[in-house]
Amino acid sequence: MSVVVVLSVVVVLSVVVVLSVVVVLSVVVVLSVVVVLSVVVVLSVVVVLSVLLEPSSLLLLQDI
């Protein structure tokens, strides 16, 4: 019986460790995707605002 108890504890612990690793990895992936998307959105907003606020600079760039 003791062997069965030890094996069951080992199996439960391994499942908990695997699940925790999967959860941590998924959280890291989701956070990285959110950070990348936010950076892209901020950069696009900055570019659009700069073009809208300063059309002359865009014209100068086109002239060059």
PDB file of N, CA and C in Angstrom:
ATOM      1  N   MET A   1       0.823  -1.210   0.000  1.00  0.00           N
ATOM      2  CA  MET A   1       0.000   0.000   0.000  1.00  0.00           C
ATOM      3  C   MET A   1       0.859   1.264   0.000  1.00  0.00           C
ATOM      4  N   SER A   2       1.976   1.192   0.705  1.00  0.00           N
ATOM      5  CA  SER A   2       2.805   2.388   0.784  1.00  0.00           C
ATOM      6  C   SER A   2       3.377   2.750  -0.586  1.00  0.00           C
ATOM      7  N   VAL A   3       3.691   1.717  -1.375  1.00  0.00           N
ATOM      8  CA  VAL A   3       4.218   1.982  -2.721  1.00  0.00           C
ATOM      9  C   VAL A   3       3.149   2.668  -3.563  1.00  0.00           C
ATOM     10  N   VAL A   4       1.915   2.219  -3.421  1.00  0.00           N
ATOM     11  CA  VAL A   4       0.826   2.827  -4.189  1.00  0.00           C
ATOM     12  C   VAL A   4       0.632   4.288  -3.761  1.00  0.00           C
ATOM     13  N   VAL A   5       0.727   4.540  -2.484  1.00  0.00           N
ATOM     14  CA  VAL A   5       0.554   5.911  -1.995  1.00  0.00           C
ATOM     15  C   VAL A   5       1.685   6.802  -2.511  1.00  0.00           C
ATOM     16  N   VAL A   6       2.903   6.291  -2.462  1.00  0.00           N
ATOM     17  CA  VAL A   6       4.045   7.078  -2.941  1.00  0.00           C
ATOM     18  C   VAL A   6       3.911   7.350  -4.437  1.00  0.00           C
ATOM     19  N   LEU A   7       3.509   6.329  -5.188  1.00  0.00           N
ATOM     20  CA  LEU A   7       3.353   6.514  -6.634  1.00  0.00           C
ATOM     21  C   LEU A   7       2.251   7.526  -6.937  1.00  0.00           C
ATOM     22  N   SER A   8       1.168   7.455  -6.224  1.00  0.00           N
ATOM     23  CA  SER A   8       0.075   8.396  -6.473  1.00  0.00           C
ATOM     24  C   SER A   8       0.510   9.821  -6.135  1.00  0.00           C
ATOM     25  N   VAL A   9       1.272   9.972  -5.065  1.00  0.00           N
ATOM     26  CA  VAL A   9       1.760  11.307  -4.705  1.00  0.00           C
ATOM     27  C   VAL A   9       2.715  11.825  -5.773  1.00  0.00           C
ATOM     28  N   VAL A  10       3.572  10.957  -6.270  1.00  0.00           N
ATOM     29  CA  VAL A  10       4.523  11.377  -7.310  1.00  0.00           C
ATOM     30  C   VAL A  10       3.773  11.775  -8.578  1.00  0.00           C
ATOM     31  N   VAL A  11       2.756  10.996  -8.939  1.00  0.00           N
ATOM     32  CA  VAL A  11       1.992  11.310 -10.153  1.00  0.00           C
ATOM     33  C   VAL A  11       1.262  12.643  -9.984  1.00  0.00           C
ATOM     34  N   VAL A  12       0.664  12.845  -8.821  1.00  0.00           N
ATOM     35  CA  VAL A  12      -0.074  14.092  -8.598  1.00  0.00           C
ATOM     36  C   VAL A  12       0.885  15.287  -8.619  1.00  0.00           C
ATOM     37  N   LEU A  13       2.037  15.128  -8.006  1.00  0.00           N
ATOM     38  CA  LEU A  13       3.007  16.226  -7.992  1.00  0.00           C
ATOM     39  C   LEU A  13       3.517  16.532  -9.404  1.00  0.00           C
ATOM     40  N   SER A  14       3.773  15.494 -10.162  1.00  0.00           N
ATOM     41  CA  SER A  14       4.264  15.726 -11.521  1.00  0.00           C
ATOM     42  C   SER A  14       3.201  16.419 -12.370  1.00  0.00           C
ATOM     43  N   VAL A  15       1.940  16.024 -12.189  1.00  0.00           N
ATOM     44  CA  VAL A  15       0.867  16.673 -12.950  1.00  0.00           C
ATOM     45  C   VAL A  15       0.750  18.142 -12.542  1.00  0.00           C
ATOM     46  N   VAL A  16       0.875  18.412 -11.251  1.00  0.00           N
ATOM     47  CA  VAL A  16       0.781  19.796 -10.781  1.00  0.00           C
ATOM     48  C   VAL A  16       1.944  20.623 -11.338  1.00  0.00           C
ATOM     49  N   VAL A  17       3.128  20.048 -11.349  1.00  0.00           N
ATOM     50  CA  VAL A  17       4.289  20.777 -11.866  1.00  0.00           C
ATOM     51  C   VAL A  17       4.124  21.052 -13.360  1.00  0.00           C
ATOM     52  N   VAL A  18       3.666  20.049 -14.100  1.00  0.00           N
ATOM     53  CA  VAL A  18       3.492  20.237 -15.548  1.00  0.00           C
ATOM     54  C   VAL A  18       2.426  21.299 -15.811  1.00  0.00           C
ATOM     55  N   LEU A  19       1.341  21.237 -15.059  1.00  0.00           N
ATOM     56  CA  LEU A  19       0.273  22.225 -15.265  1.00  0.00           C
ATOM     57  C   LEU A  19       0.753  23.636 -14.921  1.00  0.00           C
ATOM     58  N   SER A  20       1.521  23.749 -13.859  1.00  0.00           N
ATOM     59  CA  SER A  20       2.015  25.076 -13.484  1.00  0.00           C
ATOM     60  C   SER A  20       2.983  25.616 -14.538  1.00  0.00           C
ATOM     61  N   VAL A  21       3.816  24.747 -15.075  1.00  0.00           N
ATOM     62  CA  VAL A  21       4.748  25.185 -16.121  1.00  0.00           C
ATOM     63  C   VAL A  21       3.976  25.628 -17.363  1.00  0.00           C
ATOM     64  N   VAL A  22       2.937  24.869 -17.709  1.00  0.00           N
ATOM     65  CA  VAL A  22       2.140  25.235 -18.886  1.00  0.00           C
ATOM     66  C   VAL A  22       1.441  26.576 -18.655  1.00  0.00           C
ATOM     67  N   VAL A  23       0.924  26.769 -17.453  1.00  0.00           N
ATOM     68  CA  VAL A  23       0.229  28.026 -17.162  1.00  0.00           C
ATOM     69  C   VAL A  23       1.210  29.199 -17.205  1.00  0.00           C
ATOM     70  N   VAL A  24       2.388  29.006 -16.645  1.00  0.00           N
ATOM     71  CA  VAL A  24       3.379  30.087 -16.641  1.00  0.00           C
ATOM     72  C   VAL A  24       3.815  30.413 -18.069  1.00  0.00           C
ATOM     73  N   LEU A  25       4.031  29.386 -18.868  1.00  0.00           N
ATOM     74  CA  LEU A  25       4.447  29.627 -20.254  1.00  0.00           C
ATOM     75  C   LEU A  25       3.350  30.342 -21.039  1.00  0.00           C
ATOM     76  N   SER A  26       2.117  29.928 -20.838  1.00  0.00           N
ATOM     77  CA  SER A  26       1.019  30.576 -21.563  1.00  0.00           C
ATOM     78  C   SER A  26       0.877  32.033 -21.133  1.00  0.00           C
ATOM     79  N   VAL A  27       1.064  32.296 -19.844  1.00  0.00           N
ATOM     80  CA  VAL A  27       0.979  33.684 -19.372  1.00  0.00           C
ATOM     81  C   VAL A  27       2.112  34.514 -19.969  1.00  0.00           C
ATOM     82  N   VAL A  28       3.296  33.942 -20.040  1.00  0.00           N
ATOM     83  CA  VAL A  28       4.429  34.672 -20.615  1.00  0.00           C
ATOM     84  C   VAL A  28       4.186  34.954 -22.099  1.00  0.00           C
ATOM     85  N   VAL A  29       3.658  33.968 -22.810  1.00  0.00           N
ATOM     86  CA  VAL A  29       3.393  34.165 -24.240  1.00  0.00           C
ATOM     87  C   VAL A  29       2.324  35.240 -24.435  1.00  0.00           C
ATOM     88  N   VAL A  30       1.269  35.175 -23.631  1.00  0.00           N
ATOM     89  CA  VAL A  30       0.194  36.159 -23.771  1.00  0.00           C
ATOM     90  C   VAL A  30       0.705  37.563 -23.437  1.00  0.00           C
ATOM     91  N   LEU A  31       1.521  37.655 -22.394  1.00  0.00           N
ATOM     92  CA  LEU A  31       2.061  38.968 -22.023  1.00  0.00           C
ATOM     93  C   LEU A  31       2.979  39.518 -23.113  1.00  0.00           C
ATOM     94  N   SER A  32       3.787  38.655 -23.690  1.00  0.00           N
ATOM     95  CA  SER A  32       4.691  39.127 -24.743  1.00  0.00           C
ATOM     96  C   SER A  32       3.902  39.585 -25.973  1.00  0.00           C
ATOM     97  N   VAL A  33       2.839  38.838 -26.296  1.00  0.00           N
ATOM     98  CA  VAL A  33       2.017  39.242 -27.444  1.00  0.00           C
ATOM     99  C   VAL A  33       1.340  40.580 -27.161  1.00  0.00           C
ATOM    100  N   VAL A  34       0.861  40.750 -25.936  1.00  0.00           N
ATOM    101  CA  VAL A  34       0.197  42.008 -25.584  1.00  0.00           C
ATOM    102  C   VAL A  34       1.192  43.170 -25.644  1.00  0.00           C
ATOM    103  N   VAL A  35       2.401  42.935 -25.172  1.00  0.00           N
ATOM    104  CA  VAL A  35       3.411  44.000 -25.195  1.00  0.00           C
ATOM    105  C   VAL A  35       3.769  44.361 -26.633  1.00  0.00           C
ATOM    106  N   VAL A  36       3.948  43.359 -27.475  1.00  0.00           N
ATOM    107  CA  VAL A  36       4.300  43.631 -28.875  1.00  0.00           C
ATOM    108  C   VAL A  36       3.163  44.379 -29.569  1.00  0.00           C
ATOM    109  N   LEU A  37       1.929  43.938 -29.321  1.00  0.00           N
ATOM    110  CA  LEU A  37       0.788  44.605 -29.956  1.00  0.00           C
ATOM    111  C   LEU A  37       0.653  46.048 -29.468  1.00  0.00           C
ATOM    112  N   SER A  38       0.874  46.255 -28.189  1.00  0.00           N
ATOM    113  CA  SER A  38       0.758  47.618 -27.664  1.00  0.00           C
ATOM    114  C   SER A  38       1.849  48.516 -28.247  1.00  0.00           C
ATOM    115  N   VAL A  39       3.049  47.981 -28.394  1.00  0.00           N
ATOM    116  CA  VAL A  39       4.131  48.771 -28.988  1.00  0.00           C
ATOM    117  C   VAL A  39       3.801  49.111 -30.438  1.00  0.00           C
ATOM    118  N   VAL A  40       3.263  48.145 -31.163  1.00  0.00           N
ATOM    119  CA  VAL A  40       2.909  48.402 -32.564  1.00  0.00           C
ATOM    120  C   VAL A  40       1.803  49.455 -32.643  1.00  0.00           C
ATOM    121  N   VAL A  41       0.814  49.342 -31.766  1.00  0.00           N
ATOM    122  CA  VAL A  41      -0.293  50.307 -31.789  1.00  0.00           C
ATOM    123  C   VAL A  41       0.208  51.706 -31.430  1.00  0.00           C
ATOM    124  N   VAL A  42       1.077  51.785 -30.430  1.00  0.00           N
ATOM    125  CA  VAL A  42       1.598  53.097 -30.026  1.00  0.00           C
ATOM    126  C   VAL A  42       2.431  53.705 -31.150  1.00  0.00           C
ATOM    127  N   LEU A  43       3.246  52.897 -31.793  1.00  0.00           N
ATOM    128  CA  LEU A  43       4.070  53.425 -32.888  1.00  0.00           C
ATOM    129  C   LEU A  43       3.202  53.893 -34.054  1.00  0.00           C
ATOM    130  N   SER A  44       2.183  53.110 -34.383  1.00  0.00           N
ATOM    131  CA  SER A  44       1.314  53.504 -35.493  1.00  0.00           C
ATOM    132  C   SER A  44       0.551  54.783 -35.154  1.00  0.00           C
ATOM    133  N   VAL A  45       0.111  54.901 -33.895  1.00  0.00           N
ATOM    134  CA  VAL A  45      -0.601  56.122 -33.497  1.00  0.00           C
ATOM    135  C   VAL A  45       0.341  57.323 -33.562  1.00  0.00           C
ATOM    136  N   VAL A  46       1.578  57.139 -33.139  1.00  0.00           N
ATOM    137  CA  VAL A  46       2.539  58.244 -33.187  1.00  0.00           C
ATOM    138  C   VAL A  46       2.805  58.654 -34.637  1.00  0.00           C
ATOM    139  N   VAL A  47       2.946  57.683 -35.503  1.00  0.00           N
ATOM    140  CA  VAL A  47       3.205  58.007 -36.910  1.00  0.00           C
ATOM    141  C   VAL A  47       2.009  58.728 -37.518  1.00  0.00           C
ATOM    142  N   VAL A  48       0.811  58.221 -37.237  1.00  0.00           N
ATOM    143  CA  VAL A  48      -0.393  58.848 -37.805  1.00  0.00           C
ATOM    144  C   VAL A  48      -0.560  60.266 -37.260  1.00  0.00           C
ATOM    145  N   LEU A  49      -0.328  60.432 -35.974  1.00  0.00           N
ATOM    146  CA  LEU A  49      -0.465  61.770 -35.386  1.00  0.00           C
ATOM    147  C   LEU A  49       0.581  62.720 -35.956  1.00  0.00           C
ATOM    148  N   SER A  50       1.786  62.244 -36.120  1.00  0.00           N
ATOM    149  CA  SER A  50       2.827  63.123 -36.654  1.00  0.00           C
ATOM    150  C   SER A  50       2.501  63.523 -38.096  1.00  0.00           C
ATOM    151  N   VAL A  51       1.965  62.577 -38.860  1.00  0.00           N
ATOM    152  CA  VAL A  51       1.614  62.903 -40.249  1.00  0.00           C
ATOM    153  C   VAL A  51       0.440  63.870 -40.281  1.00  0.00           C
ATOM    154  N   LEU A  52      -0.528  63.658 -39.388  1.00  0.00           N
ATOM    155  CA  LEU A  52      -1.697  64.543 -39.376  1.00  0.00           C
ATOM    156  C   LEU A  52      -1.332  65.938 -38.875  1.00  0.00           C
ATOM    157  N   LEU A  53      -0.457  65.990 -37.877  1.00  0.00           N
ATOM    158  CA  LEU A  53      -0.125  67.288 -37.283  1.00  0.00           C
ATOM    159  C   LEU A  53       0.890  68.052 -38.128  1.00  0.00           C
ATOM    160  N   GLU A  54       1.736  67.340 -38.852  1.00  0.00           N
ATOM    161  CA  GLU A  54       2.777  68.008 -39.633  1.00  0.00           C
ATOM    162  C   GLU A  54       2.760  67.512 -41.078  1.00  0.00           C
ATOM    163  N   PRO A  55       1.810  67.960 -41.853  1.00  0.00           N
ATOM    164  CA  PRO A  55       1.799  67.518 -43.263  1.00  0.00           C
ATOM    165  C   PRO A  55       2.971  68.093 -44.047  1.00  0.00           C
ATOM    166  N   SER A  56       3.506  69.221 -43.582  1.00  0.00           N
ATOM    167  CA  SER A  56       4.623  69.824 -44.315  1.00  0.00           C
ATOM    168  C   SER A  56       5.857  68.925 -44.257  1.00  0.00           C
ATOM    169  N   SER A  57       6.047  68.269 -43.099  1.00  0.00           N
ATOM    170  CA  SER A  57       7.204  67.381 -43.004  1.00  0.00           C
ATOM    171  C   SER A  57       7.037  66.222 -43.986  1.00  0.00           C
ATOM    172  N   LEU A  58       5.802  65.736 -44.103  1.00  0.00           N
ATOM    173  CA  LEU A  58       5.563  64.648 -45.055  1.00  0.00           C
ATOM    174  C   LEU A  58       5.824  65.134 -46.483  1.00  0.00           C
ATOM    175  N   LEU A  59       5.421  66.361 -46.770  1.00  0.00           N
ATOM    176  CA  LEU A  59       5.672  66.900 -48.100  1.00  0.00           C
ATOM    177  C   LEU A  59       7.169  67.044 -48.341  1.00  0.00           C
ATOM    178  N   LEU A  60       7.882  67.479 -47.323  1.00  0.00           N
ATOM    179  CA  LEU A  60       9.333  67.599 -47.467  1.00  0.00           C
ATOM    180  C   LEU A  60       9.948  66.234 -47.731  1.00  0.00           C
ATOM    181  N   LEU A  61       9.454  65.232 -47.019  1.00  0.00           N
ATOM    182  CA  LEU A  61       9.992  63.888 -47.225  1.00  0.00           C
ATOM    183  C   LEU A  61       9.692  63.424 -48.642  1.00  0.00           C
ATOM    184  N   GLN A  62       8.502  63.768 -49.140  1.00  0.00           N
ATOM    185  CA  GLN A  62       8.178  63.360 -50.506  1.00  0.00           C
ATOM    186  C   GLN A  62       9.055  64.106 -51.512  1.00  0.00           C
ATOM    187  N   ASP A  63       9.341  65.362 -51.217  1.00  0.00           N
ATOM    188  CA  ASP A  63      10.196  66.124 -52.126  1.00  0.00           C
ATOM    189  C   ASP A  63      11.585  65.512 -52.193  1.00  0.00           C
ATOM    190  N   ILE A  64      12.080  65.061 -51.054  1.00  0.00           N
ATOM    191  CA  ILE A  64      13.408  64.449 -51.047  1.00  0.00           C
ATOM    192  C   ILE A  64      13.325  63.135 -51.817  1.00  0.00           C
TER     193      ILE A  64
END
